[in-house]
PDB file of N, CA and C in Angstrom:
ATOM      1  N   UNK A   1      -0.819 -31.679   1.913  1.00  0.00           N
ATOM      2  CA  UNK A   1      -1.646 -30.402   2.549  1.00  0.00           C
ATOM      3  C   UNK A   1      -3.031 -30.814   3.011  1.00  0.00           C
ATOM      4  N   UNK A   2      -3.438 -29.914   4.042  1.00  0.00           N
ATOM      5  CA  UNK A   2      -4.776 -30.225   4.446  1.00  0.00           C
ATOM      6  C   UNK A   2      -5.954 -29.740   3.595  1.00  0.00           C
ATOM      7  N   UNK A   3      -7.132 -30.339   3.924  1.00  0.00           N
ATOM      8  CA  UNK A   3      -8.304 -30.039   2.938  1.00  0.00           C
ATOM      9  C   UNK A   3      -8.677 -28.309   3.122  1.00  0.00           C
ATOM     10  N   UNK A   4      -8.434 -28.005   4.320  1.00  0.00           N
ATOM     11  CA  UNK A   4      -8.802 -26.478   4.514  1.00  0.00           C
ATOM     12  C   UNK A   4      -7.672 -25.674   3.720  1.00  0.00           C
ATOM     13  N   UNK A   5      -6.459 -26.040   3.709  1.00  0.00           N
ATOM     14  CA  UNK A   5      -5.516 -25.369   3.363  1.00  0.00           C
ATOM     15  C   UNK A   5      -5.564 -25.309   1.936  1.00  0.00           C
ATOM     16  N   UNK A   6      -5.933 -26.405   1.269  1.00  0.00           N
ATOM     17  CA  UNK A   6      -6.183 -26.413  -0.230  1.00  0.00           C
ATOM     18  C   UNK A   6      -7.370 -25.561  -0.713  1.00  0.00           C
ATOM     19  N   UNK A   7      -8.419 -25.592   0.262  1.00  0.00           N
ATOM     20  CA  UNK A   7      -9.528 -24.717  -0.170  1.00  0.00           C
ATOM     21  C   UNK A   7      -9.160 -23.329   0.015  1.00  0.00           C
ATOM     22  N   UNK A   8      -8.462 -22.912   0.919  1.00  0.00           N
ATOM     23  CA  UNK A   8      -8.037 -21.454   1.047  1.00  0.00           C
ATOM     24  C   UNK A   8      -7.162 -20.968  -0.067  1.00  0.00           C
ATOM     25  N   UNK A   9      -6.350 -21.835  -0.349  1.00  0.00           N
ATOM     26  CA  UNK A   9      -5.492 -21.590  -1.683  1.00  0.00           C
ATOM     27  C   UNK A   9      -6.158 -21.388  -2.846  1.00  0.00           C
ATOM     28  N   UNK A  10      -7.067 -22.323  -3.075  1.00  0.00           N
ATOM     29  CA  UNK A  10      -7.822 -22.313  -4.377  1.00  0.00           C
ATOM     30  C   UNK A  10      -8.760 -21.223  -4.370  1.00  0.00           C
ATOM     31  N   UNK A  11      -9.296 -20.736  -2.998  1.00  0.00           N
ATOM     32  CA  UNK A  11     -10.167 -19.517  -3.190  1.00  0.00           C
ATOM     33  C   UNK A  11      -9.271 -18.110  -3.343  1.00  0.00           C
ATOM     34  N   UNK A  12      -8.081 -18.189  -2.930  1.00  0.00           N
ATOM     35  CA  UNK A  12      -7.301 -17.095  -3.112  1.00  0.00           C
ATOM     36  C   UNK A  12      -6.878 -16.959  -4.654  1.00  0.00           C
ATOM     37  N   UNK A  13      -6.527 -17.985  -5.251  1.00  0.00           N
ATOM     38  CA  UNK A  13      -6.249 -18.219  -6.546  1.00  0.00           C
ATOM     39  C   UNK A  13      -7.608 -17.710  -7.527  1.00  0.00           C
ATOM     40  N   UNK A  14      -8.666 -18.238  -7.239  1.00  0.00           N
ATOM     41  CA  UNK A  14      -9.779 -17.799  -7.873  1.00  0.00           C
ATOM     42  C   UNK A  14     -10.125 -16.282  -7.740  1.00  0.00           C
ATOM     43  N   UNK A  15      -9.919 -15.880  -6.655  1.00  0.00           N
ATOM     44  CA  UNK A  15     -10.137 -14.404  -6.290  1.00  0.00           C
ATOM     45  C   UNK A  15      -9.120 -13.563  -7.272  1.00  0.00           C
ATOM     46  N   UNK A  16      -7.998 -13.960  -7.082  1.00  0.00           N
ATOM     47  CA  UNK A  16      -6.954 -13.342  -7.960  1.00  0.00           C
ATOM     48  C   UNK A  16      -7.309 -13.164  -9.414  1.00  0.00           C
ATOM     49  N   UNK A  17      -7.580 -14.421  -9.884  1.00  0.00           N
ATOM     50  CA  UNK A  17      -8.050 -14.465 -11.313  1.00  0.00           C
ATOM     51  C   UNK A  17      -9.132 -13.455 -11.677  1.00  0.00           C
ATOM     52  N   UNK A  18     -10.247 -13.624 -10.783  1.00  0.00           N
ATOM     53  CA  UNK A  18     -11.432 -12.743 -11.054  1.00  0.00           C
ATOM     54  C   UNK A  18     -11.026 -11.412 -11.183  1.00  0.00           C
ATOM     55  N   UNK A  19     -10.219 -10.862  -9.951  1.00  0.00           N
ATOM     56  CA  UNK A  19      -9.753  -9.442  -9.839  1.00  0.00           C
ATOM     57  C   UNK A  19      -8.975  -8.950 -10.872  1.00  0.00           C
ATOM     58  N   UNK A  20      -7.986  -9.852 -11.428  1.00  0.00           N
ATOM     59  CA  UNK A  20      -7.213  -9.639 -12.627  1.00  0.00           C
ATOM     60  C   UNK A  20      -8.007  -9.355 -13.986  1.00  0.00           C
ATOM     61  N   UNK A  21      -9.018 -10.405 -14.118  1.00  0.00           N
ATOM     62  CA  UNK A  21      -9.761 -10.137 -15.359  1.00  0.00           C
ATOM     63  C   UNK A  21     -10.674  -8.919 -15.304  1.00  0.00           C
ATOM     64  N   UNK A  22     -11.146  -8.696 -14.183  1.00  0.00           N
ATOM     65  CA  UNK A  22     -12.073  -7.694 -13.872  1.00  0.00           C
ATOM     66  C   UNK A  22     -11.294  -6.235 -13.970  1.00  0.00           C
ATOM     67  N   UNK A  23      -9.908  -6.235 -13.588  1.00  0.00           N
ATOM     68  CA  UNK A  23      -9.056  -5.135 -13.732  1.00  0.00           C
ATOM     69  C   UNK A  23      -8.771  -4.823 -15.149  1.00  0.00           C
ATOM     70  N   UNK A  24      -8.556  -5.803 -15.921  1.00  0.00           N
ATOM     71  CA  UNK A  24      -8.328  -5.549 -17.402  1.00  0.00           C
ATOM     72  C   UNK A  24      -9.549  -5.036 -18.002  1.00  0.00           C
ATOM     73  N   UNK A  25     -10.770  -5.561 -17.708  1.00  0.00           N
ATOM     74  CA  UNK A  25     -11.876  -5.017 -18.388  1.00  0.00           C
ATOM     75  C   UNK A  25     -12.198  -3.645 -17.992  1.00  0.00           C
ATOM     76  N   UNK A  26     -12.113  -3.250 -16.631  1.00  0.00           N
ATOM     77  CA  UNK A  26     -12.279  -1.838 -16.204  1.00  0.00           C
ATOM     78  C   UNK A  26     -11.217  -0.860 -16.876  1.00  0.00           C
ATOM     79  N   UNK A  27     -10.115  -1.545 -17.225  1.00  0.00           N
ATOM     80  CA  UNK A  27      -8.903  -0.740 -17.734  1.00  0.00           C
ATOM     81  C   UNK A  27      -9.279  -0.287 -19.132  1.00  0.00           C
ATOM     82  N   UNK A  28     -10.023  -1.259 -19.789  1.00  0.00           N
ATOM     83  CA  UNK A  28     -10.286  -0.935 -21.192  1.00  0.00           C
ATOM     84  C   UNK A  28     -11.750  -0.266 -21.486  1.00  0.00           C
ATOM     85  N   UNK A  29     -12.532  -0.312 -20.179  1.00  0.00           N
ATOM     86  CA  UNK A  29     -13.942   0.004 -20.344  1.00  0.00           C
ATOM     87  C   UNK A  29     -13.976   1.590 -20.980  1.00  0.00           C
ATOM     88  N   UNK A  30     -13.281   2.547 -20.590  1.00  0.00           N
ATOM     89  CA  UNK A  30     -13.459   3.766 -20.900  1.00  0.00           C
ATOM     90  C   UNK A  30     -13.328   3.883 -22.533  1.00  0.00           C
ATOM     91  N   UNK A  31     -12.412   3.306 -23.207  1.00  0.00           N
ATOM     92  CA  UNK A  31     -12.304   2.947 -24.794  1.00  0.00           C
ATOM     93  C   UNK A  31     -13.632   2.442 -25.231  1.00  0.00           C
ATOM     94  N   UNK A  32     -14.098   1.214 -24.581  1.00  0.00           N
ATOM     95  CA  UNK A  32     -15.192   0.596 -25.107  1.00  0.00           C
ATOM     96  C   UNK A  32     -16.622   1.531 -25.049  1.00  0.00           C
ATOM     97  N   UNK A  33     -16.491   2.252 -24.008  1.00  0.00           N
ATOM     98  CA  UNK A  33     -17.733   3.130 -23.749  1.00  0.00           C
ATOM     99  C   UNK A  33     -17.667   4.377 -24.640  1.00  0.00           C
ATOM    100  N   UNK A  34     -16.666   4.697 -25.071  1.00  0.00           N
ATOM    101  CA  UNK A  34     -16.432   5.863 -26.032  1.00  0.00           C
ATOM    102  C   UNK A  34     -16.647   5.563 -27.297  1.00  0.00           C
ATOM    103  N   UNK A  35     -16.374   4.292 -27.608  1.00  0.00           N
ATOM    104  CA  UNK A  35     -16.768   3.883 -29.043  1.00  0.00           C
ATOM    105  C   UNK A  35     -18.228   3.613 -29.267  1.00  0.00           C
ATOM    106  N   UNK A  36     -18.785   3.023 -28.094  1.00  0.00           N
ATOM    107  CA  UNK A  36     -20.263   2.714 -28.099  1.00  0.00           C
ATOM    108  C   UNK A  36     -21.000   4.084 -28.089  1.00  0.00           C
ATOM    109  N   UNK A  37     -20.581   5.139 -27.366  1.00  0.00           N
ATOM    110  CA  UNK A  37     -21.283   6.305 -27.244  1.00  0.00           C
ATOM    111  C   UNK A  37     -21.524   6.931 -28.731  1.00  0.00           C
ATOM    112  N   UNK A  38     -20.699   6.695 -29.727  1.00  0.00           N
ATOM    113  CA  UNK A  38     -20.797   7.136 -30.885  1.00  0.00           C
ATOM    114  C   UNK A  38     -22.085   6.570 -31.793  1.00  0.00           C
ATOM    115  N   UNK A  39     -22.405   5.356 -31.306  1.00  0.00           N
ATOM    116  CA  UNK A  39     -23.557   4.550 -31.755  1.00  0.00           C
ATOM    117  C   UNK A  39     -24.943   5.250 -30.767  1.00  0.00           C
ATOM    118  N   UNK A  40     -24.714   5.080 -29.528  1.00  0.00           N
ATOM    119  CA  UNK A  40     -25.868   5.501 -28.659  1.00  0.00           C
ATOM    120  C   UNK A  40     -25.118   5.600 -27.458  1.00  0.00           C
ATOM    121  N   UNK A  41     -25.314   6.945 -26.605  1.00  0.00           N
ATOM    122  CA  UNK A  41     -25.194   6.992 -25.288  1.00  0.00           C
ATOM    123  C   UNK A  41     -25.687   5.975 -24.090  1.00  0.00           C
ATOM    124  N   UNK A  42     -26.819   5.585 -24.583  1.00  0.00           N
ATOM    125  CA  UNK A  42     -27.513   4.793 -23.698  1.00  0.00           C
ATOM    126  C   UNK A  42     -26.798   3.251 -23.804  1.00  0.00           C
ATOM    127  N   UNK A  43     -26.330   3.029 -24.898  1.00  0.00           N
ATOM    128  CA  UNK A  43     -25.533   1.348 -25.017  1.00  0.00           C
ATOM    129  C   UNK A  43     -24.337   1.670 -24.186  1.00  0.00           C
ATOM    130  N   UNK A  44     -23.616   2.713 -24.182  1.00  0.00           N
ATOM    131  CA  UNK A  44     -22.353   2.955 -23.301  1.00  0.00           C
ATOM    132  C   UNK A  44     -22.714   2.791 -21.738  1.00  0.00           C
ATOM    133  N   UNK A  45     -23.891   3.490 -21.479  1.00  0.00           N
ATOM    134  CA  UNK A  45     -24.361   3.260 -19.989  1.00  0.00           C
ATOM    135  C   UNK A  45     -24.673   1.978 -19.569  1.00  0.00           C
ATOM    136  N   UNK A  46     -25.368   1.228 -20.550  1.00  0.00           N
ATOM    137  CA  UNK A  46     -25.868  -0.043 -20.275  1.00  0.00           C
ATOM    138  C   UNK A  46     -24.421  -1.055 -20.265  1.00  0.00           C
ATOM    139  N   UNK A  47     -23.399  -0.662 -20.875  1.00  0.00           N
ATOM    140  CA  UNK A  47     -22.268  -1.477 -20.838  1.00  0.00           C
ATOM    141  C   UNK A  47     -21.614  -1.200 -19.537  1.00  0.00           C
ATOM    142  N   UNK A  48     -21.463  -0.110 -19.131  1.00  0.00           N
ATOM    143  CA  UNK A  48     -20.960   0.302 -17.691  1.00  0.00           C
ATOM    144  C   UNK A  48     -21.778  -0.334 -16.483  1.00  0.00           C
ATOM    145  N   UNK A  49     -23.005  -0.285 -16.764  1.00  0.00           N
ATOM    146  CA  UNK A  49     -23.908  -1.023 -15.727  1.00  0.00           C
ATOM    147  C   UNK A  49     -23.742  -2.504 -15.681  1.00  0.00           C
ATOM    148  N   UNK A  50     -23.718  -2.992 -16.846  1.00  0.00           N
ATOM    149  CA  UNK A  50     -23.524  -4.258 -16.920  1.00  0.00           C
ATOM    150  C   UNK A  50     -22.265  -4.871 -16.503  1.00  0.00           C
ATOM    151  N   UNK A  51     -21.199  -4.237 -16.775  1.00  0.00           N
ATOM    152  CA  UNK A  51     -20.032  -4.863 -16.089  1.00  0.00           C
ATOM    153  C   UNK A  51     -19.766  -4.525 -14.517  1.00  0.00           C
ATOM    154  N   UNK A  52     -20.238  -3.439 -13.999  1.00  0.00           N
ATOM    155  CA  UNK A  52     -20.390  -3.350 -12.536  1.00  0.00           C
ATOM    156  C   UNK A  52     -21.150  -4.472 -11.847  1.00  0.00           C
ATOM    157  N   UNK A  53     -22.256  -4.736 -12.453  1.00  0.00           N
ATOM    158  CA  UNK A  53     -23.239  -5.715 -11.835  1.00  0.00           C
ATOM    159  C   UNK A  53     -22.607  -7.072 -12.033  1.00  0.00           C
ATOM    160  N   UNK A  54     -21.999  -7.348 -13.158  1.00  0.00           N
ATOM    161  CA  UNK A  54     -21.329  -8.469 -13.365  1.00  0.00           C
ATOM    162  C   UNK A  54     -20.303  -8.953 -12.319  1.00  0.00           C
ATOM    163  N   UNK A  55     -19.327  -7.789 -11.968  1.00  0.00           N
ATOM    164  CA  UNK A  55     -18.406  -7.975 -10.980  1.00  0.00           C
ATOM    165  C   UNK A  55     -19.052  -8.537  -9.704  1.00  0.00           C
ATOM    166  N   UNK A  56     -20.042  -7.931  -9.171  1.00  0.00           N
ATOM    167  CA  UNK A  56     -20.625  -8.428  -8.155  1.00  0.00           C
ATOM    168  C   UNK A  56     -21.319  -9.804  -8.171  1.00  0.00           C
ATOM    169  N   UNK A  57     -22.058  -9.920  -9.431  1.00  0.00           N
ATOM    170  CA  UNK A  57     -22.698 -11.293  -9.585  1.00  0.00           C
ATOM    171  C   UNK A  57     -21.583 -12.416  -9.584  1.00  0.00           C
ATOM    172  N   UNK A  58     -20.421 -12.289 -10.008  1.00  0.00           N
ATOM    173  CA  UNK A  58     -19.276 -13.344  -9.865  1.00  0.00           C
ATOM    174  C   UNK A  58     -19.093 -13.720  -8.692  1.00  0.00           C
ATOM    175  N   UNK A  59     -18.960 -12.736  -7.477  1.00  0.00           N
ATOM    176  CA  UNK A  59     -18.562 -13.026  -6.237  1.00  0.00           C
ATOM    177  C   UNK A  59     -20.011 -13.694  -5.687  1.00  0.00           C
ATOM    178  N   UNK A  60     -21.118 -13.054  -5.797  1.00  0.00           N
ATOM    179  CA  UNK A  60     -22.339 -13.628  -5.410  1.00  0.00           C
ATOM    180  C   UNK A  60     -22.632 -15.244  -5.638  1.00  0.00           C
ATOM    181  N   UNK A  61     -22.148 -15.363  -7.094  1.00  0.00           N
ATOM    182  CA  UNK A  61     -22.333 -16.781  -7.513  1.00  0.00           C
ATOM    183  C   UNK A  61     -21.368 -17.612  -6.900  1.00  0.00           C
ATOM    184  N   UNK A  62     -20.152 -17.275  -6.581  1.00  0.00           N
ATOM    185  CA  UNK A  62     -19.102 -18.099  -6.151  1.00  0.00           C
ATOM    186  C   UNK A  62     -19.614 -18.323  -4.812  1.00  0.00           C
ATOM    187  N   UNK A  63     -20.081 -17.279  -3.885  1.00  0.00           N
ATOM    188  CA  UNK A  63     -20.451 -17.596  -2.481  1.00  0.00           C
ATOM    189  C   UNK A  63     -21.458 -18.506  -2.424  1.00  0.00           C
ATOM    190  N   UNK A  64     -22.569 -18.468  -3.298  1.00  0.00           N
ATOM    191  CA  UNK A  64     -23.585 -19.373  -3.309  1.00  0.00           C
ATOM    192  C   UNK A  64     -23.195 -20.864  -3.538  1.00  0.00           C
ATOM    193  N   UNK A  65     -22.018 -21.028  -4.497  1.00  0.00           N
ATOM    194  CA  UNK A  65     -21.460 -22.231  -4.872  1.00  0.00           C
ATOM    195  C   UNK A  65     -20.812 -22.935  -3.624  1.00  0.00           C
ATOM    196  N   UNK A  66     -20.094 -22.071  -2.923  1.00  0.00           N
ATOM    197  CA  UNK A  66     -19.136 -22.464  -1.864  1.00  0.00           C
ATOM    198  C   UNK A  66     -20.211 -22.889  -0.547  1.00  0.00           C
ATOM    199  N   UNK A  67     -21.365 -22.183  -0.543  1.00  0.00           N
ATOM    200  CA  UNK A  67     -22.261 -22.544   0.629  1.00  0.00           C
ATOM    201  C   UNK A  67     -22.996 -23.829   0.192  1.00  0.00           C
ATOM    202  N   UNK A  68     -23.193 -24.175  -0.771  1.00  0.00           N
ATOM    203  CA  UNK A  68     -23.885 -25.234  -1.307  1.00  0.00           C
ATOM    204  C   UNK A  68     -22.842 -26.447  -1.103  1.00  0.00           C
ATOM    205  N   UNK A  69     -21.682 -26.150  -1.478  1.00  0.00           N
ATOM    206  CA  UNK A  69     -20.571 -27.394  -1.435  1.00  0.00           C
ATOM    207  C   UNK A  69     -20.443 -27.679   0.176  1.00  0.00           C
ATOM    208  N   UNK A  70     -20.501 -26.690   1.002  1.00  0.00           N
ATOM    209  CA  UNK A  70     -20.407 -26.720   2.425  1.00  0.00           C
ATOM    210  C   UNK A  70     -21.644 -27.666   2.952  1.00  0.00           C
ATOM    211  N   UNK A  71     -22.899 -27.325   2.343  1.00  0.00           N
ATOM    212  CA  UNK A  71     -24.107 -27.946   2.965  1.00  0.00           C
ATOM    213  C   UNK A  71     -23.809 -29.484   2.610  1.00  0.00           C
ATOM    214  N   UNK A  72     -23.270 -29.818   1.352  1.00  0.00           N
ATOM    215  CA  UNK A  72     -23.162 -31.170   1.101  1.00  0.00           C
ATOM    216  C   UNK A  72     -22.118 -31.824   1.630  1.00  0.00           C
ATOM    217  N   UNK A  73     -21.233 -31.181   2.278  1.00  0.00           N
ATOM    218  CA  UNK A  73     -20.169 -31.707   3.056  1.00  0.00           C
ATOM    219  C   UNK A  73     -18.884 -32.140   2.294  1.00  0.00           C
ATOM    220  N   UNK A  74     -18.851 -31.458   1.080  1.00  0.00           N
ATOM    221  CA  UNK A  74     -17.688 -31.784   0.162  1.00  0.00           C
ATOM    222  C   UNK A  74     -16.665 -30.829   0.456  1.00  0.00           C
TER     223      UNK A  74
END
């Protein structure tokens, strides 16, 4: 298999894993937020904000890593 084909396949697998894990987290998030809201509503807000920002941060970091890899010629 060519280098480009392997890279595309690995990118697709990584994206599928990231989306799968994120889907599970977002599926259970309402239950987590409800249990945290018994302690403090602000904690449940912070949890929601954290997971939404983390979703975008993962893809941002992956893009930075791929850009760095391309600059190094790997």
